[in-house]
N, C-alpha and C. Protein backbone atom coordinates (compact mmCIF):
# COMPACT_ATOMS: atom_id res chain seq x y z
N UNK A 1 -9.08 27.00 23.42
CA UNK A 1 -8.63 28.50 23.45
C UNK A 1 -9.04 29.82 22.62
N UNK A 2 -9.59 30.96 23.14
CA UNK A 2 -10.45 31.74 23.09
C UNK A 2 -9.23 32.87 23.27
N UNK A 3 -8.50 32.82 23.93
CA UNK A 3 -8.08 33.81 24.53
C UNK A 3 -6.89 34.18 23.50
N UNK A 4 -6.93 35.46 23.36
CA UNK A 4 -5.48 36.18 22.31
C UNK A 4 -4.12 36.55 23.31
N UNK A 5 -3.27 36.63 22.16
CA UNK A 5 -2.11 36.82 22.99
C UNK A 5 -1.86 37.96 23.26
N UNK A 6 -1.72 38.30 24.39
CA UNK A 6 -1.39 39.88 25.25
C UNK A 6 -0.28 40.69 24.64
N UNK A 7 -0.76 42.37 24.53
CA UNK A 7 0.54 42.39 23.41
C UNK A 7 1.91 42.42 24.51
N UNK A 8 2.80 42.60 23.28
CA UNK A 8 4.69 42.78 24.48
C UNK A 8 4.91 41.78 24.35
N UNK A 9 3.82 39.94 24.55
CA UNK A 9 4.33 39.27 24.84
C UNK A 9 4.84 38.06 23.74
N UNK A 10 5.79 37.72 23.82
CA UNK A 10 6.16 37.05 22.31
C UNK A 10 5.26 35.59 22.62
N UNK A 11 5.38 34.83 21.26
CA UNK A 11 4.50 33.85 21.30
C UNK A 11 4.71 32.48 21.99
N UNK A 12 6.84 32.29 22.01
CA UNK A 12 6.63 31.66 22.27
C UNK A 12 6.73 31.35 24.22
N UNK A 13 6.45 32.20 24.80
CA UNK A 13 6.26 32.10 26.31
C UNK A 13 4.08 32.53 26.01
N UNK A 14 3.86 32.49 25.55
CA UNK A 14 2.47 32.19 25.42
C UNK A 14 1.96 31.18 24.98
N UNK A 15 2.75 30.77 24.37
CA UNK A 15 2.45 29.53 23.95
C UNK A 15 2.54 28.63 25.20
N UNK A 16 3.40 28.50 25.25
CA UNK A 16 3.82 27.62 26.58
C UNK A 16 3.00 27.80 27.66
N UNK A 17 3.01 29.15 28.04
CA UNK A 17 1.71 29.03 29.24
C UNK A 17 0.32 28.67 29.06
N UNK A 18 0.05 28.47 27.61
CA UNK A 18 -1.18 27.73 27.13
C UNK A 18 -0.86 26.57 27.60
N UNK A 19 -0.03 25.78 26.67
CA UNK A 19 0.23 24.52 27.07
C UNK A 19 0.62 24.20 28.66
N UNK A 20 1.06 24.52 29.85
CA UNK A 20 1.56 24.68 30.52
C UNK A 20 0.22 24.47 31.43
N UNK A 21 -1.25 25.39 31.45
CA UNK A 21 -2.07 25.31 32.01
C UNK A 21 -3.69 24.76 31.59
N UNK A 22 -3.15 24.12 30.47
CA UNK A 22 -3.96 22.99 29.64
C UNK A 22 -3.38 21.45 30.81
N UNK A 23 -1.92 21.57 30.77
CA UNK A 23 -1.43 19.98 31.37
C UNK A 23 -2.22 19.94 32.56
N UNK A 24 -2.05 21.23 33.43
CA UNK A 24 -2.16 21.79 35.20
C UNK A 24 -3.56 20.68 34.71
N UNK A 25 -4.77 21.48 34.00
CA UNK A 25 -6.11 21.03 34.17
C UNK A 25 -6.75 19.89 33.64
N UNK A 26 -5.32 19.35 33.42
CA UNK A 26 -5.42 17.57 32.62
C UNK A 26 -6.37 17.65 31.18
N UNK A 27 -6.03 18.23 30.73
CA UNK A 27 -6.84 18.61 29.48
C UNK A 27 -6.45 17.07 28.52
N UNK A 28 -4.58 17.05 29.07
CA UNK A 28 -4.05 16.01 27.71
C UNK A 28 -3.96 14.75 28.92
N UNK A 29 -4.96 14.62 29.47
CA UNK A 29 -5.12 13.32 30.11
C UNK A 29 -5.85 12.08 29.51
N UNK A 30 -5.70 11.14 29.44
CA UNK A 30 -6.48 9.78 28.68
C UNK A 30 -6.15 10.47 27.26
N UNK A 31 -5.79 11.33 26.20
CA UNK A 31 -5.44 10.75 24.79
C UNK A 31 -5.12 9.43 24.44
N UNK A 32 -5.94 9.15 23.16
CA UNK A 32 -5.47 7.93 23.09
C UNK A 32 -3.73 8.09 22.36
N UNK A 33 -3.64 6.47 22.81
CA UNK A 33 -2.00 6.56 22.67
C UNK A 33 -1.10 7.37 23.78
N UNK A 34 -1.96 7.59 24.97
CA UNK A 34 -0.82 8.17 25.99
C UNK A 34 0.02 7.36 26.44
N UNK A 35 1.65 7.48 26.79
CA UNK A 35 2.26 6.17 27.25
C UNK A 35 2.81 5.47 26.47
N UNK A 36 2.36 5.53 25.31
CA UNK A 36 2.58 4.63 24.24
C UNK A 36 4.19 5.42 23.15
N UNK A 37 5.31 4.72 22.56
CA UNK A 37 5.94 5.22 21.96
C UNK A 37 5.27 5.85 20.58
N UNK A 38 6.13 7.12 19.87
CA UNK A 38 5.06 7.42 18.52
C UNK A 38 5.28 6.25 17.55
N UNK A 39 4.06 5.43 16.66
CA UNK A 39 4.39 5.24 15.62
C UNK A 39 5.37 5.56 14.91
N UNK A 40 6.52 4.58 14.27
CA UNK A 40 7.16 5.03 12.82
C UNK A 40 7.63 6.41 12.75
N UNK A 41 8.14 6.60 14.49
CA UNK A 41 9.22 7.79 14.94
C UNK A 41 10.95 6.98 14.56
N UNK A 42 11.05 6.17 14.39
CA UNK A 42 12.25 5.56 14.19
C UNK A 42 12.28 5.45 12.15
N UNK A 43 11.35 5.51 12.12
CA UNK A 43 11.20 5.57 9.93
C UNK A 43 11.81 6.33 9.62
N UNK A 44 12.42 6.82 8.48
CA UNK A 44 13.10 7.70 7.49
C UNK A 44 11.75 8.37 7.60
N UNK A 45 11.89 9.88 7.00
CA UNK A 45 10.76 11.25 7.20
C UNK A 45 10.54 10.41 6.01
N UNK A 46 9.10 10.43 5.64
CA UNK A 46 7.92 10.52 4.86
C UNK A 46 6.71 11.24 4.48
N UNK A 47 6.94 12.46 3.09
CA UNK A 47 5.94 13.26 3.53
C UNK A 47 4.80 12.79 2.84
N UNK A 48 5.03 11.58 2.48
CA UNK A 48 3.19 11.13 2.14
C UNK A 48 2.88 10.30 3.42
N UNK A 49 3.15 10.39 4.37
CA UNK A 49 3.50 9.51 5.73
C UNK A 49 1.12 9.00 6.09
N UNK A 50 0.88 10.37 5.79
CA UNK A 50 -0.51 11.20 6.83
C UNK A 50 -1.27 10.10 5.51
N UNK A 51 -0.85 10.02 3.62
CA UNK A 51 -2.04 9.63 3.31
C UNK A 51 -1.20 8.30 3.17
N UNK A 52 -0.50 7.40 3.05
CA UNK A 52 -0.29 6.11 3.59
C UNK A 52 -0.95 5.10 4.68
N UNK A 53 -1.23 6.18 5.88
CA UNK A 53 -1.72 6.00 6.92
C UNK A 53 -3.30 5.85 6.83
N UNK A 54 -3.76 7.21 5.81
CA UNK A 54 -4.98 6.24 5.69
C UNK A 54 -5.71 5.43 4.69
N UNK A 55 -4.80 5.65 3.31
CA UNK A 55 -5.17 3.81 3.07
C UNK A 55 -5.25 2.94 3.19
N UNK A 56 -4.29 2.66 4.70
CA UNK A 56 -3.89 1.48 5.71
C UNK A 56 -4.90 1.62 5.99
N UNK A 57 -5.84 2.53 7.01
CA UNK A 57 -6.77 2.76 7.72
C UNK A 57 -7.81 2.18 6.95
N UNK A 58 -8.29 2.51 5.79
CA UNK A 58 -9.44 2.69 4.75
C UNK A 58 -8.81 1.14 3.92
N UNK A 59 -8.20 0.94 4.20
CA UNK A 59 -7.88 -0.57 3.21
C UNK A 59 -7.56 -0.37 1.86
N UNK A 60 -7.41 0.37 1.29
CA UNK A 60 -7.19 0.85 0.21
C UNK A 60 -5.95 0.43 0.13
N UNK A 61 -5.44 1.06 -1.66
CA UNK A 61 -3.59 1.08 -1.70
C UNK A 61 -3.52 2.07 -3.09
N UNK A 62 -2.55 2.43 -2.97
CA UNK A 62 -2.45 3.60 -4.28
C UNK A 62 -2.86 3.03 -5.54
N UNK A 63 -3.31 3.93 -6.03
CA UNK A 63 -3.41 3.81 -7.64
C UNK A 63 -2.41 3.33 -8.03
N UNK A 64 -2.00 2.47 -9.16
CA UNK A 64 -0.65 2.10 -9.95
C UNK A 64 -0.64 2.55 -11.51
N UNK A 65 0.22 2.89 -11.72
CA UNK A 65 -0.25 2.77 -13.59
C UNK A 65 -0.69 1.84 -13.77
N UNK A 66 -1.27 1.77 -15.43
CA UNK A 66 -1.47 0.62 -15.34
C UNK A 66 -0.29 -0.17 -16.17
N UNK A 67 0.25 -0.54 -16.58
CA UNK A 67 1.72 -1.36 -16.84
C UNK A 67 2.23 -1.86 -16.09
N UNK A 68 1.65 -1.29 -14.24
CA UNK A 68 2.23 -2.13 -13.26
C UNK A 68 1.51 -2.39 -12.11
N UNK A 69 0.23 -1.85 -12.37
CA UNK A 69 -1.10 -3.29 -12.06
C UNK A 69 -1.16 -4.01 -12.92
N UNK A 70 -0.67 -4.32 -14.48
CA UNK A 70 -0.82 -5.80 -15.13
C UNK A 70 0.25 -6.88 -14.62
N UNK A 71 1.92 -6.05 -14.27
CA UNK A 71 2.55 -7.15 -13.76
C UNK A 71 2.72 -7.44 -12.20
N UNK A 72 1.77 -6.98 -11.73
CA UNK A 72 1.24 -7.07 -10.40
C UNK A 72 0.16 -8.81 -10.70
N UNK A 73 -0.84 -8.11 -10.67
CA UNK A 73 -1.59 -8.88 -11.57
C UNK A 73 -1.05 -10.12 -12.28
N UNK A 74 -0.28 -9.84 -13.23
CA UNK A 74 0.36 -10.99 -13.79
C UNK A 74 1.54 -12.32 -13.12
N UNK A 75 1.99 -11.22 -11.71
CA UNK A 75 2.73 -11.71 -10.71
C UNK A 75 1.80 -12.96 -9.64
N UNK A 76 0.67 -12.20 -9.85
CA UNK A 76 -0.35 -13.02 -8.82
C UNK A 76 -1.10 -13.71 -9.40
N UNK A 77 -1.18 -14.21 -11.29
CA UNK A 77 -2.08 -14.64 -11.53
C UNK A 77 -1.16 -16.21 -12.07
N UNK A 78 0.14 -16.25 -11.66
CA UNK A 78 1.08 -16.74 -11.73
C UNK A 78 1.20 -17.71 -10.51
N UNK A 79 1.32 -17.05 -9.62
CA UNK A 79 1.10 -17.74 -8.11
C UNK A 79 -0.03 -18.33 -7.97
N UNK A 80 -1.16 -17.63 -8.36
CA UNK A 80 -2.65 -18.81 -8.22
C UNK A 80 -2.18 -20.08 -9.09
N UNK A 81 -2.42 -19.53 -10.49
CA UNK A 81 -1.53 -21.44 -11.36
C UNK A 81 -1.05 -22.22 -10.19
N UNK A 82 -0.32 -21.55 -10.00
CA UNK A 82 1.08 -22.87 -9.69
C UNK A 82 0.26 -23.36 -8.09
N UNK A 83 -0.58 -23.02 -7.46
CA UNK A 83 -1.78 -22.58 -6.63
C UNK A 83 -3.04 -23.49 -6.92
N UNK A 84 -3.06 -23.81 -7.94
CA UNK A 84 -4.54 -24.06 -8.84
C UNK A 84 -4.85 -25.19 -8.08
N UNK A 85 -5.91 -25.27 -7.73
CA UNK A 85 -6.10 -27.14 -7.45
C UNK A 85 -6.23 -27.93 -8.50
N UNK A 86 -6.61 -27.55 -9.77
CA UNK A 86 -6.15 -28.62 -10.74
C UNK A 86 -6.07 -28.24 -12.35
N UNK A 87 -5.19 -28.68 -13.01
CA UNK A 87 -4.91 -28.32 -14.10
C UNK A 87 -5.67 -27.83 -14.88
N UNK A 88 -7.19 -28.39 -15.03
CA UNK A 88 -7.23 -27.26 -15.83
C UNK A 88 -8.02 -25.80 -15.51
N UNK A 89 -8.31 -25.75 -14.00
CA UNK A 89 -7.94 -23.88 -13.31
C UNK A 89 -6.73 -22.98 -13.66
N UNK A 90 -5.59 -24.40 -13.45
CA UNK A 90 -4.41 -23.67 -13.37
C UNK A 90 -3.95 -23.04 -15.18
N UNK A 91 -4.32 -24.19 -16.03
CA UNK A 91 -4.56 -23.42 -17.75
C UNK A 91 -5.12 -22.05 -18.03
N UNK A 92 -6.62 -22.03 -17.42
CA UNK A 92 -7.53 -20.98 -17.42
C UNK A 92 -7.45 -19.91 -16.71
N UNK A 93 -6.46 -19.87 -15.48
CA UNK A 93 -5.62 -18.57 -14.73
C UNK A 93 -4.76 -18.00 -15.99
N UNK A 94 -3.44 -19.03 -16.57
CA UNK A 94 -2.96 -18.03 -17.22
C UNK A 94 -3.39 -17.88 -18.94
N UNK A 95 -4.37 -18.85 -19.42
CA UNK A 95 -4.55 -18.28 -20.81
C UNK A 95 -5.43 -16.74 -20.47
N UNK A 96 -5.94 -16.52 -19.34
CA UNK A 96 -6.92 -15.04 -18.82
C UNK A 96 -5.99 -14.28 -18.63
N UNK A 97 -4.24 -14.22 -17.92
CA UNK A 97 -3.52 -13.21 -17.76
C UNK A 97 -2.83 -12.83 -19.11
N UNK A 98 -2.24 -14.48 -20.08
CA UNK A 98 -2.06 -14.10 -20.78
C UNK A 98 -2.56 -13.17 -22.38
N UNK A 99 -4.32 -13.26 -22.30
CA UNK A 99 -5.10 -12.91 -22.91
C UNK A 99 -4.73 -11.38 -22.30
N UNK A 100 -4.67 -11.20 -21.19
CA UNK A 100 -3.87 -9.46 -21.06
C UNK A 100 -3.22 -8.69 -22.15
N UNK A 101 -2.16 -9.62 -21.34
CA UNK A 101 -1.00 -8.95 -21.41
C UNK A 101 -0.65 -8.65 -23.48
N UNK A 102 -1.70 -9.55 -23.74
CA UNK A 102 -1.48 -9.46 -25.60
C UNK A 102 -2.00 -8.33 -25.21
N UNK A 103 -3.53 -8.19 -25.09
CA UNK A 103 -4.07 -6.94 -25.80
C UNK A 103 -2.89 -5.75 -24.73
N UNK A 104 -2.30 -5.55 -23.87
CA UNK A 104 -1.20 -4.30 -23.49
C UNK A 104 -0.52 -4.41 -24.51
N UNK A 105 -0.10 -5.67 -24.67
CA UNK A 105 1.19 -5.31 -25.97
C UNK A 105 1.34 -4.74 -27.75
N UNK A 106 -0.23 -5.06 -27.77
CA UNK A 106 -0.96 -4.75 -29.32
C UNK A 106 -1.80 -2.89 -28.83
N UNK A 107 -2.00 -2.51 -27.39
CA UNK A 107 -3.04 -2.10 -27.65
C UNK A 107 -2.42 -0.54 -27.16
N UNK A 108 -1.30 -1.12 -26.24
CA UNK A 108 -0.52 -0.10 -25.23
C UNK A 108 -1.32 0.45 -24.06
N UNK A 109 -0.05 0.55 -22.90
CA UNK A 109 -0.60 1.01 -21.35
C UNK A 109 -0.13 2.64 -21.46
N UNK A 110 -0.87 3.15 -20.54
CA UNK A 110 0.05 4.52 -19.62
C UNK A 110 0.39 4.01 -18.36
N UNK A 111 1.96 4.20 -18.19
CA UNK A 111 3.21 3.85 -17.41
C UNK A 111 4.70 3.28 -18.12
N UNK A 112 5.06 3.32 -16.40
CA UNK A 112 6.87 2.33 -17.14
C UNK A 112 6.38 1.98 -18.40
N UNK A 113 7.74 1.63 -18.99
CA UNK A 113 7.34 0.15 -19.87
C UNK A 113 6.56 -1.26 -18.93
N UNK A 114 5.88 -2.05 -19.93
CA UNK A 114 5.46 -3.67 -19.38
C UNK A 114 6.45 -4.40 -19.31
N UNK A 115 7.35 -4.67 -20.31
CA UNK A 115 8.39 -5.22 -19.86
C UNK A 115 7.52 -6.48 -19.49
N UNK A 116 6.89 -7.50 -20.14
CA UNK A 116 5.82 -9.00 -19.77
C UNK A 116 6.33 -9.75 -21.46
N UNK A 117 6.04 -10.48 -21.27
CA UNK A 117 5.62 -11.28 -22.22
C UNK A 117 4.70 -12.31 -21.84
N UNK A 118 3.31 -13.26 -22.39
CA UNK A 118 2.81 -13.71 -22.18
C UNK A 118 3.17 -15.14 -21.50
N UNK A 119 2.53 -15.83 -20.81
CA UNK A 119 3.17 -16.63 -19.96
C UNK A 119 3.14 -18.45 -20.89
N UNK A 120 4.84 -18.98 -20.76
CA UNK A 120 4.40 -20.23 -21.34
C UNK A 120 3.43 -21.24 -20.56
N UNK A 121 2.14 -21.30 -21.18
CA UNK A 121 1.20 -22.64 -20.70
C UNK A 121 2.20 -24.05 -20.76
N UNK A 122 2.47 -24.11 -21.43
CA UNK A 122 3.23 -25.33 -20.97
C UNK A 122 4.05 -25.74 -20.08
N UNK A 123 5.00 -24.53 -19.92
CA UNK A 123 5.97 -24.79 -18.34
C UNK A 123 5.12 -24.68 -17.41
N UNK A 124 4.00 -23.27 -17.58
CA UNK A 124 3.80 -23.33 -16.18
C UNK A 124 2.59 -24.75 -15.82
N UNK A 125 1.86 -25.31 -16.50
CA UNK A 125 1.64 -26.93 -16.41
C UNK A 125 2.89 -27.59 -15.65
N UNK A 126 3.71 -27.74 -16.69
CA UNK A 126 5.16 -28.40 -16.37
C UNK A 126 4.95 -28.16 -14.64
N UNK A 127 5.44 -26.92 -14.42
CA UNK A 127 5.76 -26.68 -13.00
C UNK A 127 4.17 -27.57 -12.49
N UNK A 128 3.38 -26.78 -12.23
CA UNK A 128 2.18 -27.14 -11.36
C UNK A 128 2.30 -29.12 -11.28
N UNK A 129 2.13 -29.48 -12.19
CA UNK A 129 2.53 -30.88 -11.82
C UNK A 129 3.55 -31.73 -11.08
N UNK A 130 4.37 -30.84 -10.84
CA UNK A 130 6.09 -31.74 -10.33
C UNK A 130 5.32 -30.55 -9.07
N UNK A 131 4.95 -29.83 -8.69
CA UNK A 131 4.24 -29.13 -7.19
C UNK A 131 3.07 -30.31 -6.76
N UNK A 132 2.70 -30.81 -7.79
CA UNK A 132 1.26 -31.65 -6.85
C UNK A 132 1.79 -32.64 -7.12
N UNK A 133 2.16 -33.23 -7.63
CA UNK A 133 3.04 -35.10 -8.01
C UNK A 133 3.00 -35.15 -6.41
N UNK A 134 3.35 -34.54 -5.90
CA UNK A 134 4.75 -34.59 -4.24
C UNK A 134 3.49 -34.78 -3.20
């Protein structure tokens, strides 16, 4: 569209005319998503929708503050320990995350309060035994 708005014509009618003429020429035919509902239209407005969409498309995630990342890793480690194939593997997983938690407590991390203590290895191994006894 290289045409300039003529003097004396308001923008709305000039733009409407441009759109109508483009529709008549078929320039909007066969666009991706034609005839499909607009994704996320029913969700609340989010100023960061495009960033989140790009991250999903690229398989990335929002970087978390170190304390929140450690909390997330600790939850994943707990689940991995309870699903481990052997008791030794469960102990190793818990020992590794506990070391990271202790280091974070000693040195401090940026972000919200950690609010995390090392896991009780024996309790988790006991839970692991109960799960795998079935």
